[in-house]
Protein backbone atom coordinates (compact mmCIF):
# COMPACT_ATOMS: atom_id res chain seq x y z
CA UNK A 1 120.22 101.52 262.40
CA UNK A 2 123.00 98.84 263.34
CA UNK A 3 120.93 96.62 265.11
CA UNK A 4 118.99 96.31 261.07
CA UNK A 5 121.61 95.46 259.43
CA UNK A 6 123.16 92.40 261.52
CA UNK A 7 119.35 91.82 261.00
CA UNK A 8 119.71 91.68 257.83
CA UNK A 9 123.14 90.02 257.24
CA UNK A 10 121.62 86.90 259.41
CA UNK A 11 118.08 86.98 257.79
CA UNK A 12 118.51 88.63 254.61
CA UNK A 13 121.11 89.44 252.08
CA UNK A 14 123.42 92.05 254.24
CA UNK A 15 121.19 94.92 252.32
CA UNK A 16 119.44 97.90 254.11
CA UNK A 17 117.48 100.46 251.56
CA UNK A 18 115.98 103.64 253.11
CA UNK A 19 113.29 105.74 251.52
CA UNK A 20 112.49 108.86 251.41
CA UNK A 21 109.16 108.84 253.50
CA UNK A 22 112.08 107.55 256.30
CA UNK A 23 111.54 103.97 256.23
CA UNK A 24 114.19 100.96 256.16
CA UNK A 25 113.52 98.50 253.96
CA UNK A 26 115.55 94.25 255.10
CA UNK A 27 115.83 93.01 251.34
CA UNK A 28 116.53 89.93 249.94
CA UNK A 29 115.04 87.36 253.01
CA UNK A 30 114.44 84.29 251.84
CA UNK A 31 110.51 82.68 252.73
CA UNK A 32 112.22 80.08 255.52
CA UNK A 33 113.66 83.38 257.52
CA UNK A 34 110.02 85.36 257.36
CA UNK A 35 108.95 84.47 260.77
CA UNK A 36 112.80 84.24 262.33
CA UNK A 37 113.16 88.36 261.24
CA UNK A 38 109.45 89.05 262.44
CA UNK A 39 110.53 87.78 265.63
CA UNK A 40 113.79 89.50 265.85
CA UNK A 41 114.26 92.21 269.18
CA UNK A 42 114.53 94.49 266.17
CA UNK A 43 111.45 93.95 264.27
CA UNK A 44 109.40 94.09 267.57
CA UNK A 45 111.09 97.24 268.88
CA UNK A 46 110.87 99.42 265.07
CA UNK A 47 107.61 97.40 263.40
CA UNK A 48 105.26 100.10 261.24
CA UNK A 49 102.68 100.45 263.84
CA UNK A 50 99.53 99.38 262.48
CA UNK A 51 98.02 102.74 262.44
CA UNK A 52 98.02 104.90 259.31
CA UNK A 53 98.74 108.70 261.02
CA UNK A 54 102.74 106.26 261.84
CA UNK A 55 102.91 104.69 258.80
CA UNK A 56 103.38 107.37 256.72
CA UNK A 57 104.59 110.02 259.50
CA UNK A 58 107.44 112.38 258.78
CA UNK A 59 109.54 114.97 260.82
CA UNK A 60 113.35 116.58 260.10
CA UNK A 61 115.59 115.74 263.04
CA UNK A 62 114.36 119.14 265.57
CA UNK A 63 115.41 121.51 268.24
CA UNK A 64 117.57 118.20 269.72
CA UNK A 65 119.57 117.74 266.60
CA UNK A 66 119.33 120.69 264.44
CA UNK A 67 120.67 124.31 264.76
CA UNK A 68 118.21 125.69 262.34
CA UNK A 69 115.15 123.73 264.69
CA UNK A 70 112.48 126.06 266.24
CA UNK A 71 110.48 123.12 267.84
CA UNK A 72 111.34 119.40 269.11
CA UNK A 73 109.55 118.25 266.58
CA UNK A 74 110.15 114.59 266.62
CA UNK A 75 108.52 114.46 270.05
CA UNK A 76 105.59 116.66 268.41
CA UNK A 77 104.81 114.67 265.73
CA UNK A 78 104.48 111.37 268.13
CA UNK A 79 101.80 113.17 270.49
CA UNK A 80 99.81 113.73 267.75
CA UNK A 81 99.96 111.18 265.97
CA UNK A 82 99.24 108.58 269.64
CA UNK A 83 96.53 111.46 270.41
CA UNK A 84 94.99 110.20 266.64
CA UNK A 85 95.30 106.48 266.81
CA UNK A 86 93.78 106.33 270.13
CA UNK A 87 90.39 108.75 269.47
CA UNK A 88 90.14 108.25 265.81
CA UNK A 89 91.23 104.47 265.45
CA UNK A 90 91.78 103.64 261.63
CA UNK A 91 92.49 100.64 259.57
CA UNK A 92 95.52 101.27 257.96
CA UNK A 93 94.20 99.16 254.52
CA UNK A 94 91.10 101.67 254.67
CA UNK A 95 92.86 104.61 255.38
CA UNK A 96 96.36 106.43 254.45
CA UNK A 97 97.24 110.09 255.88
CA UNK A 98 100.80 111.35 255.41
CA UNK A 99 101.55 114.17 257.78
CA UNK A 100 104.59 115.49 257.16
CA UNK A 101 106.22 118.03 260.03
CA UNK A 102 109.35 120.31 259.64
CA UNK A 103 111.12 122.21 262.82
CA UNK A 104 111.63 125.35 260.55
CA UNK A 105 111.37 126.69 257.41
CA UNK A 106 114.04 125.63 255.79
CA UNK A 107 111.36 122.60 255.10
CA UNK A 108 113.65 119.44 255.75
CA UNK A 109 109.77 117.39 257.11
CA UNK A 110 108.72 118.08 253.38
CA UNK A 111 105.88 119.49 254.63
CA UNK A 112 104.91 120.56 251.81
CA UNK A 113 103.71 118.04 250.52
CA UNK A 114 102.20 116.06 253.11
CA UNK A 115 98.39 115.56 253.25
CA UNK A 116 98.46 117.62 256.22
CA UNK A 117 101.78 119.53 257.02
CA UNK A 118 103.71 121.16 260.14
CA UNK A 119 106.47 123.86 259.97
CA UNK A 120 107.82 124.74 263.47
CA UNK A 121 107.33 128.56 264.69
CA UNK A 122 108.08 130.82 267.50
CA UNK A 123 105.64 133.84 268.27
CA UNK A 124 104.11 135.71 271.07
CA UNK A 125 100.73 135.04 273.14
CA UNK A 126 99.88 137.12 275.58
CA UNK A 127 103.22 138.63 276.21
CA UNK A 128 105.10 135.43 275.92
CA UNK A 129 106.73 133.40 273.58
CA UNK A 130 105.12 130.12 272.50
CA UNK A 131 106.15 127.20 270.32
CA UNK A 132 103.77 126.36 267.68
CA UNK A 133 103.40 125.52 264.35
CA UNK A 134 101.93 126.34 260.87
CA UNK A 135 99.24 124.05 259.77
CA UNK A 136 99.46 123.58 256.12
CA UNK A 137 97.16 121.00 253.90
CA UNK A 138 96.55 119.76 250.22
CA UNK A 139 100.02 118.58 249.45
CA UNK A 140 100.68 116.20 247.16
CA UNK A 141 103.26 113.08 246.46
CA UNK A 142 101.25 111.54 243.05
CA UNK A 143 101.00 113.06 239.34
CA UNK A 144 101.53 116.25 239.09
CA UNK A 145 103.10 116.72 243.09
CA UNK A 146 101.74 120.28 244.36
CA UNK A 147 102.74 122.26 247.47
CA UNK A 148 99.78 122.18 250.26
CA UNK A 149 98.09 125.36 250.66
CA UNK A 150 98.56 127.68 254.16
CA UNK A 151 95.55 126.69 256.19
CA UNK A 152 95.91 127.74 259.95
CA UNK A 153 99.09 129.82 261.72
CA UNK A 154 100.37 130.33 265.17
CA UNK A 155 98.94 126.55 266.76
CA UNK A 156 100.81 126.55 269.63
CA UNK A 157 102.37 123.28 270.31
CA UNK A 158 99.98 121.99 272.76
CA UNK A 159 96.64 122.94 270.74
CA UNK A 160 97.85 121.30 267.57
CA UNK A 161 96.11 117.72 267.61
CA UNK A 162 92.59 119.80 269.00
CA UNK A 163 92.93 121.65 265.14
CA UNK A 164 93.60 118.18 263.08
CA UNK A 165 90.96 116.66 264.50
CA UNK A 166 88.75 118.30 263.09
CA UNK A 167 90.09 117.77 259.51
CA UNK A 168 90.39 114.16 260.40
CA UNK A 169 86.81 113.75 261.98
CA UNK A 170 85.43 114.94 258.25
CA UNK A 171 87.99 112.46 256.73
CA UNK A 172 86.60 109.81 258.30
CA UNK A 173 82.58 111.33 258.12
CA UNK A 174 82.71 111.74 254.06
CA UNK A 175 85.75 109.40 252.83
CA UNK A 176 85.02 107.06 250.60
CA UNK A 177 86.12 103.21 251.26
CA UNK A 178 90.20 102.72 250.47
CA UNK A 179 90.08 106.36 249.97
CA UNK A 180 93.20 108.16 251.11
CA UNK A 181 93.46 111.55 252.33
CA UNK A 182 95.26 113.09 249.30
CA UNK A 183 92.58 111.81 247.42
CA UNK A 184 89.59 112.42 249.48
CA UNK A 185 91.28 116.25 249.44
CA UNK A 186 90.66 116.23 246.01
CA UNK A 187 87.42 114.85 246.28
CA UNK A 188 86.55 117.16 249.06
CA UNK A 189 88.11 119.97 250.09
CA UNK A 190 89.65 121.47 247.02
CA UNK A 191 86.08 122.33 246.82
CA UNK A 192 85.74 124.69 249.66
CA UNK A 193 88.11 127.48 250.73
CA UNK A 194 90.81 127.30 252.63
CA UNK A 195 88.90 130.68 253.98
CA UNK A 196 86.03 127.96 255.30
CA UNK A 197 87.29 125.03 256.08
CA UNK A 198 90.14 127.21 258.64
CA UNK A 199 86.46 129.04 260.53
CA UNK A 200 85.28 124.94 260.48
CA UNK A 201 87.79 124.15 262.39
CA UNK A 202 88.41 127.75 264.52
CA UNK A 203 85.13 127.09 265.51
CA UNK A 204 84.60 123.74 265.89
CA UNK A 205 87.59 123.38 268.37
CA UNK A 206 85.72 126.17 270.17
CA UNK A 207 82.06 125.10 270.89
CA UNK A 208 83.02 120.78 271.33
CA UNK A 209 83.45 121.15 275.03
CA UNK A 210 80.21 123.00 276.09
CA UNK A 211 78.01 123.15 273.06
CA UNK A 212 78.79 120.01 270.60
CA UNK A 213 75.95 120.46 268.47
CA UNK A 214 76.69 122.85 267.15
CA UNK A 215 79.50 121.72 265.43
CA UNK A 216 79.66 122.56 261.96
CA UNK A 217 80.34 119.87 258.94
CA UNK A 218 80.87 120.18 255.48
CA UNK A 219 77.49 119.50 253.18
CA UNK A 220 76.76 119.43 249.65
CA UNK A 221 75.32 122.46 249.29
CA UNK A 222 78.97 124.42 250.54
CA UNK A 223 80.92 122.34 248.63
CA UNK A 224 81.89 124.50 244.67
CA UNK A 225 80.37 127.54 245.96
CA UNK A 226 81.95 130.20 243.92
CA UNK A 227 82.46 133.03 246.76
CA UNK A 228 83.69 133.62 250.16
CA UNK A 229 80.11 135.14 251.12
CA UNK A 230 77.75 131.96 249.87
CA UNK A 231 79.86 130.20 251.95
CA UNK A 232 79.51 131.99 254.99
CA UNK A 233 75.79 132.05 254.57
CA UNK A 234 75.89 128.38 254.41
CA UNK A 235 77.67 128.01 256.96
CA UNK A 236 74.92 130.56 258.70
CA UNK A 237 72.02 129.08 257.02
CA UNK A 238 73.20 125.43 259.05
CA UNK A 239 74.00 126.78 262.61
CA UNK A 240 70.73 128.62 262.54
CA UNK A 241 69.21 125.24 262.01
CA UNK A 242 70.93 123.44 264.93
CA UNK A 243 70.16 125.86 266.98
CA UNK A 244 66.36 126.40 266.24
CA UNK A 245 65.62 123.34 264.96
CA UNK A 246 63.95 125.44 262.01
CA UNK A 247 65.55 126.69 258.45
CA UNK A 248 65.54 130.08 258.91
CA UNK A 249 64.59 130.36 254.74
CA UNK A 250 62.60 127.77 252.22
CA UNK A 251 65.87 127.49 250.09
CA UNK A 252 69.46 127.61 251.60
CA UNK A 253 70.32 130.09 248.43
CA UNK A 254 71.42 133.33 248.81
CA UNK A 255 70.14 134.41 246.06
CA UNK A 256 66.67 133.80 246.56
CA UNK A 257 65.98 135.53 250.04
CA UNK A 258 66.47 139.18 249.41
CA UNK A 259 62.60 139.88 249.48
CA UNK A 260 62.52 137.26 252.82
CA UNK A 261 61.50 138.27 256.04
CA UNK A 262 64.48 138.38 258.42
CA UNK A 263 64.35 135.00 260.57
CA UNK A 264 63.51 135.27 264.41
CA UNK A 265 66.58 135.90 266.65
CA UNK A 266 68.00 131.90 267.50
CA UNK A 267 67.65 133.02 271.20
CA UNK A 268 64.82 133.89 271.64
CA UNK A 269 63.97 130.21 270.31
CA UNK A 270 66.91 128.35 272.33
CA UNK A 271 68.02 130.36 274.75
CA UNK A 272 70.96 128.12 275.48
CA UNK A 273 73.60 128.88 273.75
CA UNK A 274 76.61 131.65 274.08
CA UNK A 275 75.62 135.47 273.85
CA UNK A 276 76.06 136.81 270.77
CA UNK A 277 76.44 134.06 268.61
CA UNK A 278 72.69 134.75 267.62
CA UNK A 279 73.51 138.28 266.27
CA UNK A 280 77.03 136.91 264.66
CA UNK A 281 74.22 133.75 262.92
CA UNK A 282 71.82 136.32 261.63
CA UNK A 283 74.89 138.99 260.22
CA UNK A 284 76.10 135.69 257.85
CA UNK A 285 72.22 134.67 256.50
CA UNK A 286 71.29 138.66 257.12
CA UNK A 287 68.99 139.44 253.77
CA UNK A 288 70.63 142.67 253.11
CA UNK A 289 73.92 141.84 251.20
CA UNK A 290 75.01 145.14 253.27
CA UNK A 291 74.86 144.03 256.57
CA UNK A 292 76.27 140.62 255.70
CA UNK A 293 79.85 139.33 256.54
CA UNK A 294 82.15 139.43 253.57
CA UNK A 295 84.75 137.40 254.75
CA UNK A 296 85.29 134.52 257.30
CA UNK A 297 87.68 137.32 259.57
CA UNK A 298 85.79 139.60 260.17
CA UNK A 299 83.17 136.47 262.24
CA UNK A 300 86.30 135.14 263.69
CA UNK A 301 87.25 138.63 265.01
CA UNK A 302 83.61 138.91 266.37
CA UNK A 303 83.78 135.05 267.90
CA UNK A 304 86.53 136.38 269.98
CA UNK A 305 84.48 138.50 272.16
CA UNK A 306 82.51 135.59 272.95
CA UNK A 307 83.52 132.93 275.99
CA UNK A 308 82.43 129.63 275.00
């Protein structure tokens, strides 16, 4: 901060301005001094990184400087942003992603307003205390600002980036030119339930090492469905087709299958799938509504029994 003030005195009018998004501006710089400022040590060290994962990144103090912090926070935010920058590079002129990190539930990192928000938590895993985050999505700052919705709870810190990347992959695949994540969320993610989105993220994260060809995607069929049961059916339809290369029914419409024969077990067509997965897929698309899954948590419980 002192270095920035000294640079402002030398090249600007001596003023610096701070923003709610943790950015700093040196103002009053004359045109003939712009090049000199851009070459100064303080600018080279702290200039905006040319990555949308960093340009709007917010993280509060964390455990190093706050007694309420649950996680280190700033290092965690940087680690995730670095991972995404390296693996999914985006032009900051074409994309904008606001990731806001709060080290605890007090929310000093305004996680609720982030495109993707994170809150530090502690929880038990395999009998041990683990540091992690709850992940939110869909917060806004434009128009009538809205709080983000809780998407996934209790994600270990060393796994956060693997969950977030599933959101980023869908953003990259489906975004329009120069579309921010906030606008993408309103156009696409708001049209599927958070339960369906959570399932997509968890499923894709579990199969990406050994069965990446089974990756679920958001499609036009899935957008705008009224019930969780319909979303389950359409993901099951998609999975059956990815496993077998065939459609289980003539049309992906849950209302048109009641008199159709039950499709063949996927493992009989393609044996290269995890044990028990074919039973799960068939239960997602069963013609008998009494035998179909009704909510995604039922599937997630059964998926825990599979070793991917």
